[in-house]
Amino acid sequence: MPDYITRFAPSPTGRLHLGHAVSAFNVWAAAAEAGGRVYLRIEDIDQTRCRPEYEAGIVEDLCWLGLSWEGLVRRQSDHFSDYRAALDTLQARGLIYRCFRTRREIAASLPAGADPDEAGFVSRPLSPFDEAERLSHNAAFAWRLSLEAARSALGARWETLSYQEQTAGGVRRVPADPSRFGDVVLARKDTPASYHLACCHDDALQSISHVVRGEDLRAVTAIHAMLQALMGWPQPVYRFHPLLLGADGKKLSKRNADKSLAEYRAEGMTPEDIRAMTAPA
């Protein structure tokens, strides 16, 4: 397949683990199958958790697995001005607003147990006077994309919002409804961009034609389809792969202290062992 370009985009908040290996193997396998290219992107917009040593560890682990990429590594923290420009465009169009409600306040207004990021939270901008008052006291805030404004801006296109999914049977169109996420956060006062904004911006900038991602990111692809439509960014074809689950049935993650690839390597395991451990059952 000509011009097949995909990417592997980990966050350097810890060492890679088996779940990352599953994703990486799927990305590189898809590119090899299509005769395409893989770029490496370091998604380090969360400056409180990302560390240079973890970025170095990512490169070390990928090289150990025998995986190589093309071109220079794109480090998102080097391009905060790019994301600011995208936010400025959205602000000028009246599509985003400052929300001063904390995550705790939002959770308290929702049914018990509801996830503030997936419960359809919507709000309204403060009056200019009230907003200026909050800002004068250095209050924290999030830049939220107004679902209502987005729907209005897209007009009839809102009803046909969708994304392309590559399956074993070919490419199909999947309806995308971002409504369940409400007014999504695109940046915060101290964080220049959210994952959603930076990811979609960079996919467009790097001419990513195909995105290979885990099933856990299927739902948020609706948010990305909305952003791509609003910004006029090209839409990649998406391909979702199964997750590697632990004994508790939950996906493996750094937050759950799953063993890192570096630890397996120190125990004498080989890249072939890692491939065998992550192969589909």
C-alpha atoms as a PDB file:
ATOM      1  CA  MET A   1       0.000   0.000   0.000  1.00  0.00           C
ATOM      2  CA  PRO A   2       1.654   3.298  -1.087  1.00  0.00           C
ATOM      3  CA  ASP A   3       2.188   6.087   1.433  1.00  0.00           C
ATOM      4  CA  TYR A   4       1.206   3.956   4.419  1.00  0.00           C
ATOM      5  CA  ILE A   5       2.469   5.963   7.388  1.00  0.00           C
ATOM      6  CA  THR A   6       1.740   5.045  10.975  1.00  0.00           C
ATOM      7  CA  ARG A   7       3.280   5.856  14.353  1.00  0.00           C
ATOM      8  CA  PHE A   8       4.055   4.511  17.799  1.00  0.00           C
ATOM      9  CA  ALA A   9       3.392   7.206  20.377  1.00  0.00           C
ATOM     10  CA  PRO A  10       4.142   6.263  24.003  1.00  0.00           C
ATOM     11  CA  SER A  11       4.215   8.646  26.954  1.00  0.00           C
ATOM     12  CA  PRO A  12       7.479   8.642  28.952  1.00  0.00           C
ATOM     13  CA  THR A  13       5.857   8.293  32.365  1.00  0.00           C
ATOM     14  CA  GLY A  14       7.539   4.963  33.093  1.00  0.00           C
ATOM     15  CA  ARG A  15       9.308   2.076  31.394  1.00  0.00           C
ATOM     16  CA  LEU A  16       7.548   0.121  28.663  1.00  0.00           C
ATOM     17  CA  HIS A  17       5.703  -3.040  29.746  1.00  0.00           C
ATOM     18  CA  LEU A  18       4.069  -5.972  27.982  1.00  0.00           C
ATOM     19  CA  GLY A  19       1.015  -3.919  27.042  1.00  0.00           C
ATOM     20  CA  HIS A  20       3.258  -1.489  25.182  1.00  0.00           C
ATOM     21  CA  ALA A  21       4.980  -4.408  23.471  1.00  0.00           C
ATOM     22  CA  VAL A  22       1.612  -5.658  22.188  1.00  0.00           C
ATOM     23  CA  SER A  23       0.858  -2.242  20.728  1.00  0.00           C
ATOM     24  CA  ALA A  24       4.326  -1.859  19.230  1.00  0.00           C
ATOM     25  CA  PHE A  25       4.256  -5.298  17.611  1.00  0.00           C
ATOM     26  CA  ASN A  26       0.851  -4.520  16.089  1.00  0.00           C
ATOM     27  CA  VAL A  27       2.026  -1.154  14.762  1.00  0.00           C
ATOM     28  CA  TRP A  28       5.165  -2.500  13.135  1.00  0.00           C
ATOM     29  CA  ALA A  29       3.394  -5.590  11.789  1.00  0.00           C
ATOM     30  CA  ALA A  30       0.720  -3.451  10.132  1.00  0.00           C
ATOM     31  CA  ALA A  31       3.366  -1.239   8.536  1.00  0.00           C
ATOM     32  CA  ALA A  32       5.384  -4.234   7.338  1.00  0.00           C
ATOM     33  CA  GLU A  33       2.276  -5.831   5.846  1.00  0.00           C
ATOM     34  CA  ALA A  34       1.519  -2.642   3.889  1.00  0.00           C
ATOM     35  CA  GLY A  35       5.125  -1.848   3.001  1.00  0.00           C
ATOM     36  CA  GLY A  36       4.807   1.346   4.997  1.00  0.00           C
ATOM     37  CA  ARG A  37       6.706   3.451   7.485  1.00  0.00           C
ATOM     38  CA  VAL A  38       6.606   3.910  11.260  1.00  0.00           C
ATOM     39  CA  TYR A  39       7.380   7.158  13.062  1.00  0.00           C
ATOM     40  CA  LEU A  40       8.206   7.374  16.761  1.00  0.00           C
ATOM     41  CA  ARG A  41       6.442  10.148  18.667  1.00  0.00           C
ATOM     42  CA  ILE A  42       7.065  10.922  22.326  1.00  0.00           C
ATOM     43  CA  GLU A  43       3.828  12.216  23.876  1.00  0.00           C
ATOM     44  CA  ASP A  44       5.264  14.066  26.854  1.00  0.00           C
ATOM     45  CA  ILE A  45       2.789  16.917  27.292  1.00  0.00           C
ATOM     46  CA  ASP A  46       2.288  15.925  30.957  1.00  0.00           C
ATOM     47  CA  GLN A  47       5.411  17.593  32.287  1.00  0.00           C
ATOM     48  CA  THR A  48       4.669  16.577  35.877  1.00  0.00           C
ATOM     49  CA  ARG A  49       4.934  12.820  35.146  1.00  0.00           C
ATOM     50  CA  CYS A  50       7.166  12.548  32.087  1.00  0.00           C
ATOM     51  CA  ARG A  51      10.902  12.048  32.594  1.00  0.00           C
ATOM     52  CA  PRO A  52      13.889  12.140  30.184  1.00  0.00           C
ATOM     53  CA  GLU A  53      15.139   8.837  31.588  1.00  0.00           C
ATOM     54  CA  TYR A  54      11.866   7.164  30.648  1.00  0.00           C
ATOM     55  CA  GLU A  55      12.154   8.532  27.114  1.00  0.00           C
ATOM     56  CA  ALA A  56      15.647   7.074  26.886  1.00  0.00           C
ATOM     57  CA  GLY A  57      14.258   3.804  28.228  1.00  0.00           C
ATOM     58  CA  ILE A  58      11.590   3.726  25.493  1.00  0.00           C
ATOM     59  CA  VAL A  59      14.255   4.028  22.802  1.00  0.00           C
ATOM     60  CA  GLU A  60      16.372   1.357  24.500  1.00  0.00           C
ATOM     61  CA  ASP A  61      13.438  -1.057  24.802  1.00  0.00           C
ATOM     62  CA  LEU A  62      12.302  -0.621  21.198  1.00  0.00           C
ATOM     63  CA  CYS A  63      15.822  -1.175  19.891  1.00  0.00           C
ATOM     64  CA  TRP A  64      16.095  -4.299  22.047  1.00  0.00           C
ATOM     65  CA  LEU A  65      12.859  -5.595  20.533  1.00  0.00           C
ATOM     66  CA  GLY A  66      14.378  -5.090  17.077  1.00  0.00           C
ATOM     67  CA  LEU A  67      12.002  -2.281  16.098  1.00  0.00           C
ATOM     68  CA  SER A  68      13.264   0.737  14.155  1.00  0.00           C
ATOM     69  CA  TRP A  69      11.564   3.871  12.878  1.00  0.00           C
ATOM     70  CA  GLU A  70      12.061   6.506  10.206  1.00  0.00           C
ATOM     71  CA  GLY A  71      13.171  10.074  10.607  1.00  0.00           C
ATOM     72  CA  LEU A  72      13.602  12.127  13.746  1.00  0.00           C
ATOM     73  CA  VAL A  73      11.605  11.450  16.888  1.00  0.00           C
ATOM     74  CA  ARG A  74       8.890  14.062  17.442  1.00  0.00           C
ATOM     75  CA  ARG A  75       8.820  15.160  21.062  1.00  0.00           C
ATOM     76  CA  GLN A  76       5.572  16.968  21.836  1.00  0.00           C
ATOM     77  CA  SER A  77       7.072  19.143  24.574  1.00  0.00           C
ATOM     78  CA  ASP A  78       9.178  20.805  21.857  1.00  0.00           C
ATOM     79  CA  HIS A  79       6.057  21.988  20.049  1.00  0.00           C
ATOM     80  CA  PHE A  80       3.780  23.562  22.652  1.00  0.00           C
ATOM     81  CA  SER A  81       3.477  26.674  20.457  1.00  0.00           C
ATOM     82  CA  ASP A  82       1.884  24.524  17.718  1.00  0.00           C
ATOM     83  CA  TYR A  83      -0.871  23.381  20.067  1.00  0.00           C
ATOM     84  CA  ARG A  84      -1.337  26.914  21.379  1.00  0.00           C
ATOM     85  CA  ALA A  85      -1.936  28.060  17.805  1.00  0.00           C
ATOM     86  CA  ALA A  86      -4.610  25.375  17.351  1.00  0.00           C
ATOM     87  CA  LEU A  87      -6.273  26.486  20.601  1.00  0.00           C
ATOM     88  CA  ASP A  88      -6.160  30.102  19.441  1.00  0.00           C
ATOM     89  CA  THR A  89      -7.979  29.084  16.259  1.00  0.00           C
ATOM     90  CA  LEU A  90     -10.679  27.298  18.222  1.00  0.00           C
ATOM     91  CA  GLN A  91     -11.009  30.213  20.652  1.00  0.00           C
ATOM     92  CA  ALA A  92     -11.335  32.728  17.820  1.00  0.00           C
ATOM     93  CA  ARG A  93     -14.208  30.651  16.450  1.00  0.00           C
ATOM     94  CA  GLY A  94     -15.958  30.590  19.823  1.00  0.00           C
ATOM     95  CA  LEU A  95     -15.578  26.827  20.177  1.00  0.00           C
ATOM     96  CA  ILE A  96     -13.696  26.642  23.485  1.00  0.00           C
ATOM     97  CA  TYR A  97     -14.119  28.294  26.871  1.00  0.00           C
ATOM     98  CA  ARG A  98     -12.405  28.437  30.238  1.00  0.00           C
ATOM     99  CA  CYS A  99     -14.017  26.136  32.801  1.00  0.00           C
ATOM    100  CA  PHE A 100     -13.055  26.805  36.420  1.00  0.00           C
ATOM    101  CA  ARG A 101     -14.879  23.846  37.972  1.00  0.00           C
ATOM    102  CA  THR A 102     -12.573  21.276  39.503  1.00  0.00           C
ATOM    103  CA  ARG A 103     -12.748  17.573  38.777  1.00  0.00           C
ATOM    104  CA  ARG A 104     -14.020  17.034  42.315  1.00  0.00           C
ATOM    105  CA  GLU A 105     -16.789  19.592  41.852  1.00  0.00           C
ATOM    106  CA  ILE A 106     -17.826  17.995  38.587  1.00  0.00           C
ATOM    107  CA  ALA A 107     -17.847  14.516  40.135  1.00  0.00           C
ATOM    108  CA  ALA A 108     -20.023  15.781  42.988  1.00  0.00           C
ATOM    109  CA  SER A 109     -22.614  17.031  40.499  1.00  0.00           C
ATOM    110  CA  LEU A 110     -22.862  13.650  38.754  1.00  0.00           C
ATOM    111  CA  PRO A 111     -24.498  10.370  39.797  1.00  0.00           C
ATOM    112  CA  ALA A 112     -22.400   8.356  42.240  1.00  0.00           C
ATOM    113  CA  GLY A 113     -19.577   6.498  40.523  1.00  0.00           C
ATOM    114  CA  ALA A 114     -19.873   8.411  37.249  1.00  0.00           C
ATOM    115  CA  ASP A 115     -16.590   9.210  35.492  1.00  0.00           C
ATOM    116  CA  PRO A 116     -16.261  13.018  35.064  1.00  0.00           C
ATOM    117  CA  ASP A 117     -14.537  12.426  31.710  1.00  0.00           C
ATOM    118  CA  GLU A 118     -17.275  10.208  30.287  1.00  0.00           C
ATOM    119  CA  ALA A 119     -20.506  11.396  31.891  1.00  0.00           C
ATOM    120  CA  GLY A 120     -21.378  14.021  29.307  1.00  0.00           C
ATOM    121  CA  PHE A 121     -20.469  17.017  31.465  1.00  0.00           C
ATOM    122  CA  VAL A 122     -21.345  20.326  29.791  1.00  0.00           C
ATOM    123  CA  SER A 123     -21.093  23.836  31.125  1.00  0.00           C
ATOM    124  CA  ARG A 124     -21.224  27.466  30.037  1.00  0.00           C
ATOM    125  CA  PRO A 125     -18.559  30.164  29.885  1.00  0.00           C
ATOM    126  CA  LEU A 126     -18.553  32.620  32.754  1.00  0.00           C
ATOM    127  CA  SER A 127     -19.420  36.230  32.098  1.00  0.00           C
ATOM    128  CA  PRO A 128     -16.392  38.346  31.105  1.00  0.00           C
ATOM    129  CA  PHE A 129     -16.488  40.027  34.519  1.00  0.00           C
ATOM    130  CA  ASP A 130     -16.583  36.756  36.486  1.00  0.00           C
ATOM    131  CA  GLU A 131     -13.900  35.210  34.296  1.00  0.00           C
ATOM    132  CA  ALA A 132     -11.613  38.218  34.781  1.00  0.00           C
ATOM    133  CA  GLU A 133     -12.221  37.988  38.535  1.00  0.00           C
ATOM    134  CA  ARG A 134     -11.184  34.312  38.605  1.00  0.00           C
ATOM    135  CA  LEU A 135      -8.122  34.974  36.482  1.00  0.00           C
ATOM    136  CA  SER A 136      -7.074  37.869  38.700  1.00  0.00           C
ATOM    137  CA  HIS A 137      -6.889  35.380  41.574  1.00  0.00           C
ATOM    138  CA  ASN A 138      -4.804  32.976  39.507  1.00  0.00           C
ATOM    139  CA  ALA A 139      -7.544  30.339  39.554  1.00  0.00           C
ATOM    140  CA  ALA A 140      -6.914  27.049  37.789  1.00  0.00           C
ATOM    141  CA  PHE A 141      -8.996  26.306  34.713  1.00  0.00           C
ATOM    142  CA  ALA A 142      -9.395  23.948  31.771  1.00  0.00           C
ATOM    143  CA  TRP A 143     -10.019  24.883  28.180  1.00  0.00           C
ATOM    144  CA  ARG A 144     -13.099  22.876  27.192  1.00  0.00           C
ATOM    145  CA  LEU A 145     -14.504  22.338  23.716  1.00  0.00           C
ATOM    146  CA  SER A 146     -18.174  23.287  23.768  1.00  0.00           C
ATOM    147  CA  LEU A 147     -20.187  20.361  22.434  1.00  0.00           C
ATOM    148  CA  GLU A 148     -23.042  22.707  21.594  1.00  0.00           C
ATOM    149  CA  ALA A 149     -20.769  25.080  19.662  1.00  0.00           C
ATOM    150  CA  ALA A 150     -19.095  22.174  17.862  1.00  0.00           C
ATOM    151  CA  ARG A 151     -22.457  20.775  16.799  1.00  0.00           C
ATOM    152  CA  SER A 152     -23.496  24.187  15.509  1.00  0.00           C
ATOM    153  CA  ALA A 153     -20.211  24.729  13.656  1.00  0.00           C
ATOM    154  CA  LEU A 154     -20.426  21.371  11.877  1.00  0.00           C
ATOM    155  CA  GLY A 155     -24.090  21.764  10.971  1.00  0.00           C
ATOM    156  CA  ALA A 156     -25.360  18.883   8.843  1.00  0.00           C
ATOM    157  CA  ARG A 157     -21.931  17.225   9.022  1.00  0.00           C
ATOM    158  CA  TRP A 158     -22.575  16.498  12.697  1.00  0.00           C
ATOM    159  CA  GLU A 159     -25.188  13.900  11.750  1.00  0.00           C
ATOM    160  CA  THR A 160     -22.744  12.048   9.498  1.00  0.00           C
ATOM    161  CA  LEU A 161     -19.683  12.308  11.756  1.00  0.00           C
ATOM    162  CA  SER A 162     -17.699   9.081  11.412  1.00  0.00           C
ATOM    163  CA  TYR A 163     -14.257   7.529  11.114  1.00  0.00           C
ATOM    164  CA  GLN A 164     -12.751   4.837   8.935  1.00  0.00           C
ATOM    165  CA  GLU A 165     -11.882   1.507  10.536  1.00  0.00           C
ATOM    166  CA  GLN A 166      -9.693  -1.111   8.911  1.00  0.00           C
ATOM    167  CA  THR A 167     -10.897  -4.647   9.606  1.00  0.00           C
ATOM    168  CA  ALA A 168     -10.096  -8.068   8.193  1.00  0.00           C
ATOM    169  CA  GLY A 169     -12.901  -7.529   5.694  1.00  0.00           C
ATOM    170  CA  GLY A 170     -11.676  -4.133   4.509  1.00  0.00           C
ATOM    171  CA  VAL A 171     -12.271  -0.515   5.468  1.00  0.00           C
ATOM    172  CA  ARG A 172     -15.670   0.499   6.825  1.00  0.00           C
ATOM    173  CA  ARG A 173     -17.247   3.720   8.032  1.00  0.00           C
ATOM    174  CA  VAL A 174     -18.122   3.804  11.741  1.00  0.00           C
ATOM    175  CA  PRO A 175     -20.542   6.413  13.132  1.00  0.00           C
ATOM    176  CA  ALA A 176     -18.877   8.701  15.669  1.00  0.00           C
ATOM    177  CA  ASP A 177     -20.862  10.272  18.492  1.00  0.00           C
ATOM    178  CA  PRO A 178     -18.726  12.322  20.907  1.00  0.00           C
ATOM    179  CA  SER A 179     -21.788  13.421  22.915  1.00  0.00           C
ATOM    180  CA  ARG A 180     -21.120  10.920  25.718  1.00  0.00           C
ATOM    181  CA  PHE A 181     -17.942  12.848  26.579  1.00  0.00           C
ATOM    182  CA  GLY A 182     -19.640  16.235  26.870  1.00  0.00           C
ATOM    183  CA  ASP A 183     -17.372  19.286  26.760  1.00  0.00           C
ATOM    184  CA  VAL A 184     -13.964  17.638  26.516  1.00  0.00           C
ATOM    185  CA  VAL A 185     -10.812  19.207  27.931  1.00  0.00           C
ATOM    186  CA  LEU A 186      -8.365  20.348  25.248  1.00  0.00           C
ATOM    187  CA  ALA A 187      -5.845  22.059  27.545  1.00  0.00           C
ATOM    188  CA  ARG A 188      -5.384  23.312  31.066  1.00  0.00           C
ATOM    189  CA  LYS A 189      -3.888  26.422  32.563  1.00  0.00           C
ATOM    190  CA  ASP A 190      -0.569  24.673  33.219  1.00  0.00           C
ATOM    191  CA  THR A 191      -0.784  22.054  30.447  1.00  0.00           C
ATOM    192  CA  PRO A 192      -0.676  23.490  26.910  1.00  0.00           C
ATOM    193  CA  ALA A 193      -2.642  20.671  25.294  1.00  0.00           C
ATOM    194  CA  SER A 194      -4.568  17.530  26.082  1.00  0.00           C
ATOM    195  CA  TYR A 195      -3.844  14.148  24.556  1.00  0.00           C
ATOM    196  CA  HIS A 196      -6.794  14.601  22.180  1.00  0.00           C
ATOM    197  CA  LEU A 197      -5.625  17.907  20.731  1.00  0.00           C
ATOM    198  CA  ALA A 198      -1.918  17.090  20.499  1.00  0.00           C
ATOM    199  CA  CYS A 199      -2.546  13.619  19.067  1.00  0.00           C
ATOM    200  CA  CYS A 200      -4.877  14.829  16.293  1.00  0.00           C
ATOM    201  CA  HIS A 201      -2.673  17.826  15.499  1.00  0.00           C
ATOM    202  CA  ASP A 202       0.422  15.665  15.121  1.00  0.00           C
ATOM    203  CA  ASP A 203      -1.334  12.968  13.106  1.00  0.00           C
ATOM    204  CA  ALA A 204      -2.270  15.669  10.595  1.00  0.00           C
ATOM    205  CA  LEU A 205       1.138  17.355  10.663  1.00  0.00           C
ATOM    206  CA  GLN A 206       3.009  14.082  10.138  1.00  0.00           C
ATOM    207  CA  SER A 207       0.631  12.887   7.392  1.00  0.00           C
ATOM    208  CA  ILE A 208      -0.266   9.781   9.382  1.00  0.00           C
ATOM    209  CA  SER A 209      -2.416   7.662   7.087  1.00  0.00           C
ATOM    210  CA  HIS A 210      -3.156   4.829   9.522  1.00  0.00           C
ATOM    211  CA  VAL A 211      -3.427   4.749  13.305  1.00  0.00           C
ATOM    212  CA  VAL A 212      -3.027   1.371  14.995  1.00  0.00           C
ATOM    213  CA  ARG A 213      -4.298   1.546  18.574  1.00  0.00           C
ATOM    214  CA  GLY A 214      -5.732  -0.611  21.334  1.00  0.00           C
ATOM    215  CA  GLU A 215      -9.410  -1.325  21.836  1.00  0.00           C
ATOM    216  CA  ASP A 216      -9.325   0.886  24.933  1.00  0.00           C
ATOM    217  CA  LEU A 217      -9.060   3.921  22.644  1.00  0.00           C
ATOM    218  CA  ARG A 218     -11.952   3.006  20.371  1.00  0.00           C
ATOM    219  CA  ALA A 219     -14.482   5.202  22.196  1.00  0.00           C
ATOM    220  CA  VAL A 220     -12.354   8.368  22.222  1.00  0.00           C
ATOM    221  CA  THR A 221     -11.850   8.064  18.469  1.00  0.00           C
ATOM    222  CA  ALA A 222     -15.227   9.821  18.224  1.00  0.00           C
ATOM    223  CA  ILE A 223     -13.631  12.860  19.887  1.00  0.00           C
ATOM    224  CA  HIS A 224     -10.803  12.746  17.363  1.00  0.00           C
ATOM    225  CA  ALA A 225     -13.230  12.535  14.443  1.00  0.00           C
ATOM    226  CA  MET A 226     -14.943  15.672  15.784  1.00  0.00           C
ATOM    227  CA  LEU A 227     -11.667  17.585  16.158  1.00  0.00           C
ATOM    228  CA  GLN A 228     -10.513  16.561  12.691  1.00  0.00           C
ATOM    229  CA  ALA A 229     -13.783  17.777  11.199  1.00  0.00           C
ATOM    230  CA  LEU A 230     -13.652  21.088  13.087  1.00  0.00           C
ATOM    231  CA  MET A 231     -10.029  21.803  12.203  1.00  0.00           C
ATOM    232  CA  GLY A 232     -10.135  20.501   8.644  1.00  0.00           C
ATOM    233  CA  TRP A 233      -7.430  17.965   9.434  1.00  0.00           C
ATOM    234  CA  PRO A 234      -7.200  14.796   7.312  1.00  0.00           C
ATOM    235  CA  GLN A 235      -8.574  11.690   8.963  1.00  0.00           C
ATOM    236  CA  PRO A 236      -6.421   8.568   9.188  1.00  0.00           C
ATOM    237  CA  VAL A 237      -7.765   5.049   8.892  1.00  0.00           C
ATOM    238  CA  TYR A 238      -7.999   3.427  12.348  1.00  0.00           C
ATOM    239  CA  ARG A 239      -7.195  -0.145  13.239  1.00  0.00           C
ATOM    240  CA  PHE A 240      -7.878  -1.503  16.726  1.00  0.00           C
ATOM    241  CA  HIS A 241      -6.022  -4.391  18.295  1.00  0.00           C
ATOM    242  CA  PRO A 242      -6.999  -6.513  21.330  1.00  0.00           C
ATOM    243  CA  LEU A 243      -5.477  -5.654  24.698  1.00  0.00           C
ATOM    244  CA  LEU A 244      -3.260  -7.881  26.757  1.00  0.00           C
ATOM    245  CA  LEU A 245      -5.051  -8.498  30.054  1.00  0.00           C
ATOM    246  CA  GLY A 246      -3.621  -9.498  33.392  1.00  0.00           C
ATOM    247  CA  ALA A 247      -4.853 -12.295  35.625  1.00  0.00           C
ATOM    248  CA  ASP A 248      -7.400  -9.872  37.109  1.00  0.00           C
ATOM    249  CA  GLY A 249      -8.924  -9.244  33.687  1.00  0.00           C
ATOM    250  CA  LYS A 250      -7.657  -5.661  33.558  1.00  0.00           C
ATOM    251  CA  LYS A 251      -5.324  -4.284  30.930  1.00  0.00           C
ATOM    252  CA  LEU A 252      -1.655  -4.148  31.815  1.00  0.00           C
ATOM    253  CA  SER A 253      -0.406  -0.678  32.667  1.00  0.00           C
ATOM    254  CA  LYS A 254       2.397   1.191  34.354  1.00  0.00           C
ATOM    255  CA  ARG A 255      -0.024   2.483  36.965  1.00  0.00           C
ATOM    256  CA  ASN A 256      -0.736  -1.071  38.081  1.00  0.00           C
ATOM    257  CA  ALA A 257       2.985  -1.681  38.570  1.00  0.00           C
ATOM    258  CA  ASP A 258       3.181  -4.350  35.878  1.00  0.00           C
ATOM    259  CA  LYS A 259       6.677  -5.682  35.237  1.00  0.00           C
ATOM    260  CA  SER A 260       8.640  -3.622  32.719  1.00  0.00           C
ATOM    261  CA  LEU A 261      10.402  -4.940  29.637  1.00  0.00           C
ATOM    262  CA  ALA A 262      13.680  -3.862  31.238  1.00  0.00           C
ATOM    263  CA  GLU A 263      12.962  -6.160  34.182  1.00  0.00           C
ATOM    264  CA  TYR A 264      12.204  -9.080  31.874  1.00  0.00           C
ATOM    265  CA  ARG A 265      15.432  -8.356  29.999  1.00  0.00           C
ATOM    266  CA  ALA A 266      17.403  -8.319  33.269  1.00  0.00           C
ATOM    267  CA  GLU A 267      15.947 -11.749  34.059  1.00  0.00           C
ATOM    268  CA  GLY A 268      17.459 -13.102  30.840  1.00  0.00           C
ATOM    269  CA  MET A 269      14.401 -13.063  28.597  1.00  0.00           C
ATOM    270  CA  THR A 270      14.860 -12.409  24.875  1.00  0.00           C
ATOM    271  CA  PRO A 271      12.774 -10.374  22.412  1.00  0.00           C
ATOM    272  CA  GLU A 272      11.486 -13.703  21.084  1.00  0.00           C
ATOM    273  CA  ASP A 273      10.259 -14.548  24.583  1.00  0.00           C
ATOM    274  CA  ILE A 274       8.401 -11.236  24.734  1.00  0.00           C
ATOM    275  CA  ARG A 275       6.780 -11.916  21.363  1.00  0.00           C
ATOM    276  CA  ALA A 276       5.651 -15.332  22.570  1.00  0.00           C
ATOM    277  CA  MET A 277       4.254 -13.865  25.788  1.00  0.00           C
ATOM    278  CA  THR A 278       2.240 -11.244  23.889  1.00  0.00           C
ATOM    279  CA  ALA A 279       1.024 -13.376  20.990  1.00  0.00           C
ATOM    280  CA  PRO A 280      -2.764 -13.725  20.666  1.00  0.00           C
ATOM    281  CA  ALA A 281      -4.128 -16.840  22.388  1.00  0.00           C
END
